[in-house]
Amino acid sequence: MGRLDGKVALISGAARGQGEAEARRFVAEGARVVLGDVLEAECRTVAELLGDGARAIRLDVTREEDWSRAVETALDTFGRLDVLVNNAGIVRTGAIESTSLEDYRAVVDVNQIGTFLGIRAVVPAMREAGGGSIVNISSNAGMEGVQGVIGYVASKWAIRGMTKTAALELGRFGIRVNVVCPGGVATPMIGASDFDSIDQDAVWSSQPISRVGQPDEIASLVLFLASDESSYSTGAEFVADGGGLAGSTARGVDTN
């Protein structure tokens, strides 16, 4: 018996990386999944590999009509909607003084507005189903300041706040809303050319778990929150960052 048997999920940003890993885990655990992404060809390829329990659609998370179509696809194809994973996200790098308003707004539109639109779009279907689980993806950059990515940090902090507000408003309908805050994860985002100047090995070596995270590790946490195993969790933050937020290591202190 799968941990998501009988559930129908909608995952944004599902064409690759973390979203793809979540879609694969969900189908393996018995869910039927609608995969949404602006990368249409890649999204279709993933859905085809996952079989009859998966459908791919174009989903630009900044467009209300795309969200409406995504929910309609879930209802028309699978008859219900139980889970939303607001996974889609982008980043633009640069110091504050060199960050254009266009770049700042682009990040906020996808990460923050996209999450809001996703939450709002699924509420009627989840109420009809008698409840559901919404999992928003923030970041450890949504729990501390990070230089060089002001739009990303602002949007990820906002997602944490929206999660708590949504949990308060939607709990009476049996809809749980939680947020996952990953650290660095080996996805195309951190492999982008914007990060070429960063010594990533040095970044991960300073953590208690001294390596980058893997998409499947985050997918396991998202799976838990999507399932009934987390039935008493809502409005909560779940961190998976290799201990990056645990604190700093005192240099020169031998703790062996």
Foldseek 3Di string as FASTA:
>chain_A
DFLQAPAEEEEEPLLWFLNVLLVLNQLVRHYQYEYEYQVQVSQQVSQVVSPPSYHYDYAQLLDLVSLLVSQVCRCVRPNAHAEYELDDFAFDFDAPVPDDPVRLVVRLSNQAVSLVSNLVSRQVRQLVVQEHEYEYEAAVLLVDPDGGTVSNSVSSVNVLVVQLVSQVVCVVSHYAGEYEHEYAEPIVRCVDPVNVVPPVQVVQCFAQQRDGHYSNVVSVVVSCRRGCVCSVDHSYYHYHYRRPVVDGDDPPDDPD
